[in-house]
Amino acid sequence: MRKTLDRLISWTGLIMAAVLLVAGGLLTYASSFVAGNVKEQLSQQNITMPAAAALETQEQKDALLQYAGQKMETGAQAKAFADHYILVHMNTQSNNKTYSEVSGEFMKASKNAAADPAQVQALGELRQSLFMGNTLRGLLLNAYAFGTMGTIALYAGIGAFIAAALLLVLGLLGLRHAKHVDEATVPISGRQPVPHTV
């Protein structure tokens, strides 16, 4: 009974090790694919991170100085650029108003016959600028999200490989133990059991 249980547990561990090896391979491939795709897509945009002289606030420097002057190729660069450069300029232009708020003001002013045409035009230009800024931010933050998923897949793949190695070792040790239990229960040939006397 002990031998059968040891073998059953050991083979289950070996099967799980094989499954984890396959999962680790797939996760590693997914991570590599995502990282390559993010780099390719961002490189095609030909965005250069702002130079150190263009960074105005300490918050911008903390987020962007490490990337100053580099070509944008990673999700981390995309997030830093989106949140600490584009958004800062959008908020400066709109006085911290969102696209939705500015668009609402523009629609209201454009329907008002008494509105100043120059003001309506300025609101329209600001609305267009915020729309383009939000679109670019959304694309960059999507690249960051996919890059993050790729990084998580890489760590999960490494974890799967480690777990597979552990289960492989434990499974082989379990089979070895089952073999020793098997050998210990085999009687020595040529010897008869000694009868018990009362």
N, C-alpha and C. Protein backbone atom coordinates (compact mmCIF):
# COMPACT_ATOMS: atom_id res chain seq x y z
N MET A 1 0.82 -1.20 0.00
CA MET A 1 0.00 0.00 0.00
C MET A 1 0.87 1.26 0.00
N ARG A 2 1.90 1.29 0.82
CA ARG A 2 2.80 2.44 0.90
C ARG A 2 3.52 2.65 -0.42
N LYS A 3 3.94 1.53 -1.04
CA LYS A 3 4.65 1.58 -2.32
C LYS A 3 3.75 2.19 -3.40
N THR A 4 2.50 1.77 -3.45
CA THR A 4 1.54 2.27 -4.45
C THR A 4 1.28 3.76 -4.24
N LEU A 5 1.12 4.16 -3.00
CA LEU A 5 0.88 5.57 -2.70
C LEU A 5 2.08 6.42 -3.09
N ASP A 6 3.29 5.95 -2.79
CA ASP A 6 4.51 6.69 -3.16
C ASP A 6 4.60 6.86 -4.67
N ARG A 7 4.30 5.79 -5.40
CA ARG A 7 4.38 5.86 -6.86
C ARG A 7 3.32 6.79 -7.43
N LEU A 8 2.13 6.70 -6.88
CA LEU A 8 1.04 7.55 -7.36
C LEU A 8 1.37 9.03 -7.16
N ILE A 9 1.83 9.37 -5.97
CA ILE A 9 2.18 10.77 -5.67
C ILE A 9 3.36 11.22 -6.54
N SER A 10 4.34 10.33 -6.71
CA SER A 10 5.54 10.68 -7.49
C SER A 10 5.19 10.93 -8.94
N TRP A 11 4.38 10.05 -9.54
CA TRP A 11 4.01 10.23 -10.95
C TRP A 11 3.13 11.46 -11.14
N THR A 12 2.28 11.73 -10.16
CA THR A 12 1.47 12.95 -10.23
C THR A 12 2.37 14.19 -10.23
N GLY A 13 3.39 14.16 -9.37
CA GLY A 13 4.35 15.27 -9.32
C GLY A 13 5.11 15.43 -10.63
N LEU A 14 5.50 14.30 -11.25
CA LEU A 14 6.23 14.36 -12.51
C LEU A 14 5.35 14.90 -13.64
N ILE A 15 4.09 14.51 -13.64
CA ILE A 15 3.16 15.03 -14.65
C ILE A 15 2.96 16.53 -14.46
N MET A 16 2.80 16.95 -13.20
CA MET A 16 2.65 18.38 -12.93
C MET A 16 3.91 19.15 -13.33
N ALA A 17 5.08 18.54 -13.14
CA ALA A 17 6.34 19.17 -13.54
C ALA A 17 6.36 19.38 -15.05
N ALA A 18 5.90 18.38 -15.80
CA ALA A 18 5.85 18.50 -17.26
C ALA A 18 4.89 19.61 -17.68
N VAL A 19 3.72 19.67 -17.03
CA VAL A 19 2.75 20.72 -17.34
C VAL A 19 3.33 22.09 -17.04
N LEU A 20 4.01 22.23 -15.91
CA LEU A 20 4.61 23.51 -15.55
C LEU A 20 5.75 23.90 -16.49
N LEU A 21 6.49 22.90 -17.00
CA LEU A 21 7.53 23.20 -17.98
C LEU A 21 6.93 23.78 -19.25
N VAL A 22 5.83 23.17 -19.71
CA VAL A 22 5.15 23.69 -20.90
C VAL A 22 4.60 25.08 -20.63
N ALA A 23 3.97 25.26 -19.46
CA ALA A 23 3.42 26.57 -19.11
C ALA A 23 4.52 27.62 -19.02
N GLY A 24 5.65 27.26 -18.42
CA GLY A 24 6.78 28.19 -18.32
C GLY A 24 7.30 28.59 -19.68
N GLY A 25 7.38 27.62 -20.59
CA GLY A 25 7.81 27.93 -21.95
C GLY A 25 6.86 28.88 -22.66
N LEU A 26 5.56 28.61 -22.52
CA LEU A 26 4.55 29.47 -23.16
C LEU A 26 4.57 30.88 -22.56
N LEU A 27 4.69 30.97 -21.24
CA LEU A 27 4.73 32.28 -20.59
C LEU A 27 5.97 33.07 -20.99
N THR A 28 7.10 32.38 -21.10
CA THR A 28 8.33 33.05 -21.52
C THR A 28 8.21 33.54 -22.96
N TYR A 29 7.61 32.70 -23.81
CA TYR A 29 7.40 33.11 -25.20
C TYR A 29 6.46 34.33 -25.26
N ALA A 30 5.38 34.28 -24.47
CA ALA A 30 4.43 35.41 -24.45
C ALA A 30 5.12 36.69 -24.01
N SER A 31 5.96 36.58 -23.00
CA SER A 31 6.68 37.76 -22.51
C SER A 31 7.58 38.33 -23.59
N SER A 32 8.30 37.45 -24.27
CA SER A 32 9.20 37.88 -25.34
C SER A 32 8.43 38.51 -26.49
N PHE A 33 7.30 37.91 -26.84
CA PHE A 33 6.48 38.42 -27.93
C PHE A 33 5.94 39.82 -27.60
N VAL A 34 5.41 39.97 -26.39
CA VAL A 34 4.84 41.26 -25.98
C VAL A 34 5.93 42.34 -25.95
N ALA A 35 7.07 42.02 -25.35
CA ALA A 35 8.16 43.00 -25.26
C ALA A 35 8.62 43.43 -26.65
N GLY A 36 8.76 42.45 -27.55
CA GLY A 36 9.18 42.77 -28.92
C GLY A 36 8.16 43.60 -29.65
N ASN A 37 6.88 43.27 -29.46
CA ASN A 37 5.82 44.00 -30.13
C ASN A 37 5.72 45.44 -29.62
N VAL A 38 5.80 45.61 -28.31
CA VAL A 38 5.75 46.96 -27.73
C VAL A 38 6.92 47.80 -28.24
N LYS A 39 8.10 47.21 -28.25
CA LYS A 39 9.28 47.94 -28.74
C LYS A 39 9.13 48.32 -30.20
N GLU A 40 8.64 47.38 -31.01
CA GLU A 40 8.47 47.65 -32.44
C GLU A 40 7.45 48.76 -32.68
N GLN A 41 6.31 48.68 -31.99
CA GLN A 41 5.26 49.68 -32.20
C GLN A 41 5.70 51.07 -31.73
N LEU A 42 6.36 51.12 -30.58
CA LEU A 42 6.81 52.42 -30.08
C LEU A 42 7.94 52.99 -30.94
N SER A 43 8.83 52.14 -31.41
CA SER A 43 9.94 52.61 -32.26
C SER A 43 9.42 53.22 -33.55
N GLN A 44 8.34 52.66 -34.09
CA GLN A 44 7.76 53.18 -35.33
C GLN A 44 7.22 54.60 -35.16
N GLN A 45 6.87 54.97 -33.93
CA GLN A 45 6.36 56.32 -33.69
C GLN A 45 7.49 57.36 -33.68
N ASN A 46 8.72 56.89 -33.53
CA ASN A 46 9.90 57.76 -33.57
C ASN A 46 9.80 58.92 -32.58
N ILE A 47 9.40 58.60 -31.34
CA ILE A 47 9.28 59.61 -30.29
C ILE A 47 10.59 59.66 -29.50
N THR A 48 11.12 60.85 -29.34
CA THR A 48 12.31 61.04 -28.51
C THR A 48 11.87 61.61 -27.18
N MET A 49 12.33 61.01 -26.11
CA MET A 49 11.99 61.50 -24.79
C MET A 49 12.57 62.91 -24.61
N PRO A 50 11.87 63.76 -23.84
CA PRO A 50 12.33 65.15 -23.69
C PRO A 50 13.73 65.23 -23.06
N ALA A 51 14.46 66.23 -23.51
CA ALA A 51 15.80 66.48 -22.95
C ALA A 51 15.67 67.00 -21.53
N ALA A 52 16.74 66.89 -20.79
CA ALA A 52 16.73 67.32 -19.38
C ALA A 52 16.33 68.78 -19.24
N ALA A 53 16.74 69.63 -20.20
CA ALA A 53 16.44 71.06 -20.12
C ALA A 53 14.94 71.35 -20.27
N ALA A 54 14.19 70.43 -20.88
CA ALA A 54 12.76 70.65 -21.10
C ALA A 54 11.92 70.26 -19.89
N LEU A 55 12.53 69.66 -18.89
CA LEU A 55 11.80 69.21 -17.71
C LEU A 55 11.73 70.37 -16.71
N GLU A 56 10.50 70.77 -16.40
CA GLU A 56 10.31 71.99 -15.62
C GLU A 56 10.16 71.75 -14.13
N THR A 57 9.43 70.72 -13.74
CA THR A 57 9.17 70.50 -12.31
C THR A 57 10.02 69.35 -11.79
N GLN A 58 10.13 69.29 -10.47
CA GLN A 58 10.87 68.19 -9.86
C GLN A 58 10.20 66.84 -10.13
N GLU A 59 8.87 66.86 -10.17
CA GLU A 59 8.14 65.62 -10.45
C GLU A 59 8.47 65.11 -11.86
N GLN A 60 8.54 66.04 -12.83
CA GLN A 60 8.93 65.65 -14.18
C GLN A 60 10.36 65.10 -14.19
N LYS A 61 11.23 65.76 -13.49
CA LYS A 61 12.63 65.29 -13.45
C LYS A 61 12.73 63.91 -12.84
N ASP A 62 11.99 63.69 -11.75
CA ASP A 62 12.03 62.38 -11.09
C ASP A 62 11.56 61.27 -12.03
N ALA A 63 10.55 61.57 -12.86
CA ALA A 63 9.96 60.55 -13.72
C ALA A 63 10.68 60.41 -15.06
N LEU A 64 11.23 61.51 -15.59
CA LEU A 64 11.71 61.49 -16.97
C LEU A 64 13.22 61.66 -17.16
N LEU A 65 13.91 62.12 -16.12
CA LEU A 65 15.34 62.41 -16.29
C LEU A 65 16.13 61.16 -16.69
N GLN A 66 15.73 60.01 -16.18
CA GLN A 66 16.45 58.77 -16.50
C GLN A 66 16.32 58.38 -17.98
N TYR A 67 15.30 58.94 -18.65
CA TYR A 67 15.08 58.62 -20.07
C TYR A 67 15.43 59.78 -21.00
N ALA A 68 15.94 60.87 -20.47
CA ALA A 68 16.15 62.09 -21.24
C ALA A 68 16.93 61.83 -22.53
N GLY A 69 16.34 62.26 -23.65
CA GLY A 69 17.00 62.15 -24.95
C GLY A 69 16.96 60.79 -25.60
N GLN A 70 16.41 59.78 -24.92
CA GLN A 70 16.36 58.42 -25.49
C GLN A 70 15.19 58.27 -26.44
N LYS A 71 15.30 57.32 -27.37
CA LYS A 71 14.16 56.94 -28.19
C LYS A 71 13.20 56.12 -27.34
N MET A 72 11.91 56.37 -27.49
CA MET A 72 10.92 55.64 -26.70
C MET A 72 10.76 54.23 -27.27
N GLU A 73 11.03 53.22 -26.41
CA GLU A 73 10.95 51.83 -26.84
C GLU A 73 10.30 50.91 -25.82
N THR A 74 10.06 51.39 -24.61
CA THR A 74 9.51 50.53 -23.56
C THR A 74 8.21 51.10 -23.00
N GLY A 75 7.44 50.21 -22.39
CA GLY A 75 6.20 50.62 -21.75
C GLY A 75 6.43 51.60 -20.61
N ALA A 76 7.51 51.42 -19.88
CA ALA A 76 7.81 52.32 -18.76
C ALA A 76 8.08 53.74 -19.27
N GLN A 77 8.81 53.85 -20.38
CA GLN A 77 9.06 55.16 -20.97
C GLN A 77 7.74 55.79 -21.44
N ALA A 78 6.88 54.96 -22.05
CA ALA A 78 5.60 55.45 -22.56
C ALA A 78 4.74 56.01 -21.44
N LYS A 79 4.69 55.30 -20.30
CA LYS A 79 3.87 55.77 -19.16
C LYS A 79 4.43 57.07 -18.60
N ALA A 80 5.75 57.14 -18.44
CA ALA A 80 6.36 58.36 -17.91
C ALA A 80 6.09 59.54 -18.82
N PHE A 81 6.20 59.34 -20.13
CA PHE A 81 5.97 60.42 -21.10
C PHE A 81 4.50 60.85 -21.09
N ALA A 82 3.60 59.86 -21.04
CA ALA A 82 2.16 60.15 -21.05
C ALA A 82 1.72 60.90 -19.80
N ASP A 83 2.18 60.45 -18.65
CA ASP A 83 1.69 61.00 -17.38
C ASP A 83 2.43 62.25 -16.91
N HIS A 84 3.70 62.39 -17.30
CA HIS A 84 4.50 63.48 -16.74
C HIS A 84 4.97 64.49 -17.78
N TYR A 85 4.58 64.29 -19.04
CA TYR A 85 4.93 65.28 -20.06
C TYR A 85 3.68 65.72 -20.82
N ILE A 86 3.02 64.78 -21.48
CA ILE A 86 1.82 65.14 -22.25
C ILE A 86 0.74 65.69 -21.32
N LEU A 87 0.43 64.96 -20.25
CA LEU A 87 -0.64 65.38 -19.35
C LEU A 87 -0.34 66.74 -18.70
N VAL A 88 0.92 66.97 -18.35
CA VAL A 88 1.30 68.26 -17.74
C VAL A 88 1.01 69.40 -18.72
N HIS A 89 1.38 69.21 -20.00
CA HIS A 89 1.14 70.25 -20.99
C HIS A 89 -0.36 70.43 -21.28
N MET A 90 -1.09 69.34 -21.28
CA MET A 90 -2.55 69.44 -21.48
C MET A 90 -3.19 70.23 -20.34
N ASN A 91 -2.80 69.91 -19.11
CA ASN A 91 -3.37 70.61 -17.95
C ASN A 91 -2.98 72.08 -17.93
N THR A 92 -1.77 72.38 -18.38
CA THR A 92 -1.33 73.78 -18.44
C THR A 92 -2.17 74.55 -19.45
N GLN A 93 -2.39 73.96 -20.63
CA GLN A 93 -3.18 74.63 -21.67
C GLN A 93 -4.63 74.83 -21.26
N SER A 94 -5.20 73.81 -20.59
CA SER A 94 -6.64 73.85 -20.30
C SER A 94 -6.97 74.35 -18.91
N ASN A 95 -5.95 74.76 -18.17
CA ASN A 95 -6.16 75.18 -16.78
C ASN A 95 -6.78 74.05 -15.96
N ASN A 96 -6.26 72.85 -16.17
CA ASN A 96 -6.67 71.62 -15.47
C ASN A 96 -8.08 71.17 -15.80
N LYS A 97 -8.64 71.64 -16.91
CA LYS A 97 -9.95 71.15 -17.35
C LYS A 97 -9.74 69.93 -18.25
N THR A 98 -10.70 69.02 -18.20
CA THR A 98 -10.62 67.82 -19.03
C THR A 98 -11.14 68.11 -20.44
N TYR A 99 -10.88 67.17 -21.34
CA TYR A 99 -11.40 67.31 -22.71
C TYR A 99 -12.91 67.45 -22.69
N SER A 100 -13.57 66.65 -21.86
CA SER A 100 -15.03 66.68 -21.78
C SER A 100 -15.54 68.06 -21.36
N GLU A 101 -14.88 68.67 -20.39
CA GLU A 101 -15.29 70.00 -19.93
C GLU A 101 -15.08 71.06 -21.01
N VAL A 102 -13.93 71.04 -21.64
CA VAL A 102 -13.64 72.01 -22.69
C VAL A 102 -14.56 71.82 -23.88
N SER A 103 -14.82 70.55 -24.22
CA SER A 103 -15.72 70.26 -25.33
C SER A 103 -17.13 70.79 -25.05
N GLY A 104 -17.58 70.62 -23.80
CA GLY A 104 -18.89 71.14 -23.41
C GLY A 104 -18.95 72.65 -23.54
N GLU A 105 -17.88 73.34 -23.11
CA GLU A 105 -17.83 74.80 -23.22
C GLU A 105 -17.85 75.23 -24.69
N PHE A 106 -17.09 74.50 -25.52
CA PHE A 106 -17.05 74.83 -26.95
C PHE A 106 -18.42 74.66 -27.60
N MET A 107 -19.09 73.53 -27.30
CA MET A 107 -20.40 73.28 -27.89
C MET A 107 -21.40 74.37 -27.47
N LYS A 108 -21.34 74.74 -26.21
CA LYS A 108 -22.26 75.77 -25.70
C LYS A 108 -21.97 77.12 -26.36
N ALA A 109 -20.68 77.48 -26.45
CA ALA A 109 -20.31 78.76 -27.04
C ALA A 109 -20.61 78.81 -28.53
N SER A 110 -20.43 77.69 -29.23
CA SER A 110 -20.67 77.68 -30.68
C SER A 110 -22.15 77.81 -31.02
N LYS A 111 -23.02 77.46 -30.09
CA LYS A 111 -24.47 77.60 -30.31
C LYS A 111 -24.99 78.97 -29.88
N ASN A 112 -24.14 79.73 -29.17
CA ASN A 112 -24.54 81.04 -28.67
C ASN A 112 -24.18 82.10 -29.72
N ALA A 113 -25.21 82.72 -30.27
CA ALA A 113 -24.98 83.72 -31.32
C ALA A 113 -24.23 84.94 -30.80
N ALA A 114 -24.32 85.20 -29.50
CA ALA A 114 -23.67 86.38 -28.92
C ALA A 114 -22.22 86.11 -28.51
N ALA A 115 -21.77 84.86 -28.67
CA ALA A 115 -20.42 84.51 -28.21
C ALA A 115 -19.37 85.16 -29.11
N ASP A 116 -18.24 85.49 -28.49
CA ASP A 116 -17.11 86.08 -29.22
C ASP A 116 -16.51 85.02 -30.16
N PRO A 117 -16.45 85.28 -31.47
CA PRO A 117 -15.92 84.29 -32.42
C PRO A 117 -14.47 83.88 -32.11
N ALA A 118 -13.68 84.83 -31.64
CA ALA A 118 -12.28 84.50 -31.29
C ALA A 118 -12.22 83.52 -30.13
N GLN A 119 -13.13 83.72 -29.15
CA GLN A 119 -13.18 82.81 -28.00
C GLN A 119 -13.65 81.42 -28.43
N VAL A 120 -14.63 81.39 -29.32
CA VAL A 120 -15.13 80.10 -29.82
C VAL A 120 -14.02 79.37 -30.57
N GLN A 121 -13.27 80.12 -31.39
CA GLN A 121 -12.17 79.51 -32.14
C GLN A 121 -11.09 78.99 -31.19
N ALA A 122 -10.76 79.77 -30.16
CA ALA A 122 -9.75 79.35 -29.18
C ALA A 122 -10.19 78.09 -28.45
N LEU A 123 -11.48 78.04 -28.08
CA LEU A 123 -12.00 76.83 -27.41
C LEU A 123 -11.96 75.63 -28.35
N GLY A 124 -12.26 75.87 -29.64
CA GLY A 124 -12.21 74.79 -30.62
C GLY A 124 -10.80 74.24 -30.79
N GLU A 125 -9.83 75.13 -30.83
CA GLU A 125 -8.42 74.71 -30.96
C GLU A 125 -7.96 73.95 -29.71
N LEU A 126 -8.37 74.46 -28.54
CA LEU A 126 -8.01 73.78 -27.29
C LEU A 126 -8.66 72.40 -27.24
N ARG A 127 -9.92 72.35 -27.66
CA ARG A 127 -10.64 71.06 -27.68
C ARG A 127 -9.91 70.06 -28.57
N GLN A 128 -9.48 70.52 -29.76
CA GLN A 128 -8.76 69.64 -30.69
C GLN A 128 -7.43 69.19 -30.10
N SER A 129 -6.73 70.12 -29.47
CA SER A 129 -5.44 69.80 -28.85
C SER A 129 -5.60 68.77 -27.74
N LEU A 130 -6.62 68.94 -26.90
CA LEU A 130 -6.86 67.97 -25.81
C LEU A 130 -7.27 66.61 -26.36
N PHE A 131 -8.06 66.62 -27.44
CA PHE A 131 -8.47 65.37 -28.05
C PHE A 131 -7.24 64.59 -28.54
N MET A 132 -6.35 65.28 -29.24
CA MET A 132 -5.14 64.62 -29.74
C MET A 132 -4.24 64.17 -28.59
N GLY A 133 -4.14 65.00 -27.55
CA GLY A 133 -3.33 64.62 -26.39
C GLY A 133 -3.87 63.40 -25.69
N ASN A 134 -5.20 63.36 -25.51
CA ASN A 134 -5.81 62.19 -24.87
C ASN A 134 -5.65 60.94 -25.71
N THR A 135 -5.75 61.09 -27.03
CA THR A 135 -5.58 59.93 -27.92
C THR A 135 -4.16 59.38 -27.81
N LEU A 136 -3.18 60.26 -27.87
CA LEU A 136 -1.79 59.82 -27.76
C LEU A 136 -1.52 59.20 -26.40
N ARG A 137 -2.04 59.83 -25.35
CA ARG A 137 -1.86 59.26 -24.00
C ARG A 137 -2.45 57.86 -23.92
N GLY A 138 -3.65 57.70 -24.47
CA GLY A 138 -4.30 56.39 -24.44
C GLY A 138 -3.47 55.32 -25.14
N LEU A 139 -2.91 55.67 -26.30
CA LEU A 139 -2.08 54.71 -27.04
C LEU A 139 -0.81 54.36 -26.25
N LEU A 140 -0.20 55.37 -25.67
CA LEU A 140 1.03 55.13 -24.90
C LEU A 140 0.75 54.31 -23.64
N LEU A 141 -0.37 54.60 -22.98
CA LEU A 141 -0.69 53.85 -21.76
C LEU A 141 -1.11 52.42 -22.09
N ASN A 142 -1.67 52.19 -23.27
CA ASN A 142 -1.92 50.81 -23.71
C ASN A 142 -0.61 50.06 -23.89
N ALA A 143 0.38 50.74 -24.48
CA ALA A 143 1.70 50.11 -24.63
C ALA A 143 2.28 49.77 -23.26
N TYR A 144 2.11 50.67 -22.29
CA TYR A 144 2.58 50.41 -20.93
C TYR A 144 1.86 49.20 -20.33
N ALA A 145 0.53 49.12 -20.53
CA ALA A 145 -0.24 48.00 -19.97
C ALA A 145 0.23 46.68 -20.56
N PHE A 146 0.42 46.64 -21.87
CA PHE A 146 0.89 45.41 -22.50
C PHE A 146 2.31 45.07 -22.05
N GLY A 147 3.15 46.09 -21.93
CA GLY A 147 4.52 45.85 -21.44
C GLY A 147 4.51 45.27 -20.03
N THR A 148 3.61 45.77 -19.19
CA THR A 148 3.49 45.25 -17.82
C THR A 148 3.02 43.80 -17.82
N MET A 149 2.04 43.49 -18.68
CA MET A 149 1.58 42.10 -18.78
C MET A 149 2.71 41.18 -19.24
N GLY A 150 3.55 41.69 -20.14
CA GLY A 150 4.70 40.89 -20.59
C GLY A 150 5.67 40.63 -19.46
N THR A 151 5.89 41.63 -18.63
CA THR A 151 6.79 41.45 -17.48
C THR A 151 6.22 40.45 -16.48
N ILE A 152 4.91 40.55 -16.23
CA ILE A 152 4.26 39.60 -15.33
C ILE A 152 4.36 38.19 -15.89
N ALA A 153 4.16 38.04 -17.21
CA ALA A 153 4.28 36.72 -17.84
C ALA A 153 5.69 36.16 -17.68
N LEU A 154 6.70 37.02 -17.78
CA LEU A 154 8.08 36.56 -17.59
C LEU A 154 8.29 36.04 -16.18
N TYR A 155 7.84 36.79 -15.17
CA TYR A 155 7.99 36.35 -13.78
C TYR A 155 7.21 35.06 -13.53
N ALA A 156 6.00 34.96 -14.11
CA ALA A 156 5.21 33.75 -13.95
C ALA A 156 5.91 32.56 -14.61
N GLY A 157 6.54 32.80 -15.76
CA GLY A 157 7.28 31.74 -16.44
C GLY A 157 8.46 31.25 -15.61
N ILE A 158 9.19 32.19 -15.01
CA ILE A 158 10.32 31.81 -14.15
C ILE A 158 9.81 31.00 -12.96
N GLY A 159 8.70 31.46 -12.35
CA GLY A 159 8.10 30.72 -11.23
C GLY A 159 7.68 29.32 -11.65
N ALA A 160 7.12 29.18 -12.86
CA ALA A 160 6.70 27.86 -13.35
C ALA A 160 7.90 26.96 -13.54
N PHE A 161 9.01 27.49 -14.06
CA PHE A 161 10.22 26.67 -14.24
C PHE A 161 10.77 26.21 -12.88
N ILE A 162 10.77 27.11 -11.90
CA ILE A 162 11.28 26.74 -10.57
C ILE A 162 10.39 25.66 -9.94
N ALA A 163 9.06 25.86 -10.04
CA ALA A 163 8.14 24.86 -9.49
C ALA A 163 8.27 23.52 -10.21
N ALA A 164 8.48 23.57 -11.53
CA ALA A 164 8.66 22.32 -12.29
C ALA A 164 9.91 21.59 -11.85
N ALA A 165 11.00 22.33 -11.65
CA ALA A 165 12.24 21.70 -11.20
C ALA A 165 12.07 21.07 -9.82
N LEU A 166 11.37 21.77 -8.93
CA LEU A 166 11.13 21.24 -7.58
C LEU A 166 10.30 19.97 -7.63
N LEU A 167 9.21 20.02 -8.42
CA LEU A 167 8.36 18.82 -8.53
C LEU A 167 9.08 17.67 -9.19
N LEU A 168 9.95 17.97 -10.16
CA LEU A 168 10.73 16.91 -10.81
C LEU A 168 11.64 16.21 -9.81
N VAL A 169 12.34 17.00 -9.01
CA VAL A 169 13.24 16.43 -7.99
C VAL A 169 12.44 15.61 -6.98
N LEU A 170 11.33 16.18 -6.49
CA LEU A 170 10.52 15.47 -5.50
C LEU A 170 9.91 14.18 -6.09
N GLY A 171 9.49 14.26 -7.35
CA GLY A 171 8.92 13.08 -8.00
C GLY A 171 9.94 11.98 -8.15
N LEU A 172 11.15 12.32 -8.56
CA LEU A 172 12.21 11.32 -8.72
C LEU A 172 12.62 10.73 -7.35
N LEU A 173 12.68 11.58 -6.33
CA LEU A 173 12.99 11.09 -4.99
C LEU A 173 11.88 10.16 -4.49
N GLY A 174 10.63 10.50 -4.83
CA GLY A 174 9.51 9.64 -4.43
C GLY A 174 9.57 8.28 -5.10
N LEU A 175 9.92 8.24 -6.38
CA LEU A 175 10.06 6.96 -7.08
C LEU A 175 11.22 6.15 -6.50
N ARG A 176 12.29 6.83 -6.17
CA ARG A 176 13.44 6.14 -5.56
C ARG A 176 13.04 5.54 -4.21
N HIS A 177 12.27 6.34 -3.44
CA HIS A 177 11.81 5.84 -2.14
C HIS A 177 10.89 4.64 -2.31
N ALA A 178 10.01 4.70 -3.30
CA ALA A 178 9.09 3.58 -3.55
C ALA A 178 9.87 2.32 -3.91
N LYS A 179 10.95 2.48 -4.66
CA LYS A 179 11.79 1.33 -5.04
C LYS A 179 12.45 0.72 -3.80
N HIS A 180 12.92 1.56 -2.88
CA HIS A 180 13.55 1.06 -1.65
C HIS A 180 12.53 0.35 -0.78
N VAL A 181 11.31 0.88 -0.71
CA VAL A 181 10.25 0.22 0.06
C VAL A 181 9.96 -1.13 -0.56
N ASP A 182 9.95 -1.20 -1.89
CA ASP A 182 9.71 -2.44 -2.62
C ASP A 182 10.78 -3.47 -2.29
N GLU A 183 12.06 -3.05 -2.31
CA GLU A 183 13.16 -3.96 -2.03
C GLU A 183 13.15 -4.43 -0.58
N ALA A 184 12.73 -3.56 0.33
CA ALA A 184 12.72 -3.92 1.75
C ALA A 184 11.67 -4.97 2.06
N THR A 185 10.63 -5.05 1.25
CA THR A 185 9.56 -6.03 1.53
C THR A 185 9.77 -7.36 0.84
N VAL A 186 10.78 -7.46 -0.06
CA VAL A 186 11.05 -8.74 -0.73
C VAL A 186 11.77 -9.66 0.25
N PRO A 187 11.25 -10.92 0.49
CA PRO A 187 11.93 -11.84 1.42
C PRO A 187 13.23 -12.35 0.81
N ILE A 188 14.20 -12.65 1.69
CA ILE A 188 15.48 -13.18 1.23
C ILE A 188 15.25 -14.63 0.82
N SER A 189 15.63 -14.97 -0.43
CA SER A 189 15.36 -16.32 -0.96
C SER A 189 16.16 -17.38 -0.22
N GLY A 190 15.56 -18.56 -0.09
CA GLY A 190 16.23 -19.70 0.56
C GLY A 190 16.04 -19.74 2.05
N ARG A 191 15.45 -18.73 2.66
CA ARG A 191 15.24 -18.77 4.10
C ARG A 191 13.78 -18.98 4.40
N GLN A 192 13.52 -19.89 5.25
CA GLN A 192 12.15 -20.20 5.66
C GLN A 192 11.81 -19.41 6.91
N PRO A 193 10.59 -18.98 7.02
CA PRO A 193 10.21 -18.27 8.24
C PRO A 193 10.32 -19.19 9.45
N VAL A 194 10.80 -18.66 10.55
CA VAL A 194 10.94 -19.43 11.79
C VAL A 194 9.58 -19.52 12.46
N PRO A 195 9.11 -20.76 12.73
CA PRO A 195 7.80 -20.89 13.36
C PRO A 195 7.85 -20.40 14.80
N HIS A 196 6.77 -19.78 15.22
CA HIS A 196 6.68 -19.30 16.61
C HIS A 196 6.20 -20.45 17.49
N THR A 197 6.84 -20.59 18.62
CA THR A 197 6.42 -21.61 19.57
C THR A 197 5.90 -20.93 20.82
N VAL A 198 4.95 -21.60 21.42
CA VAL A 198 4.36 -21.06 22.62
C VAL A 198 5.06 -21.61 23.83
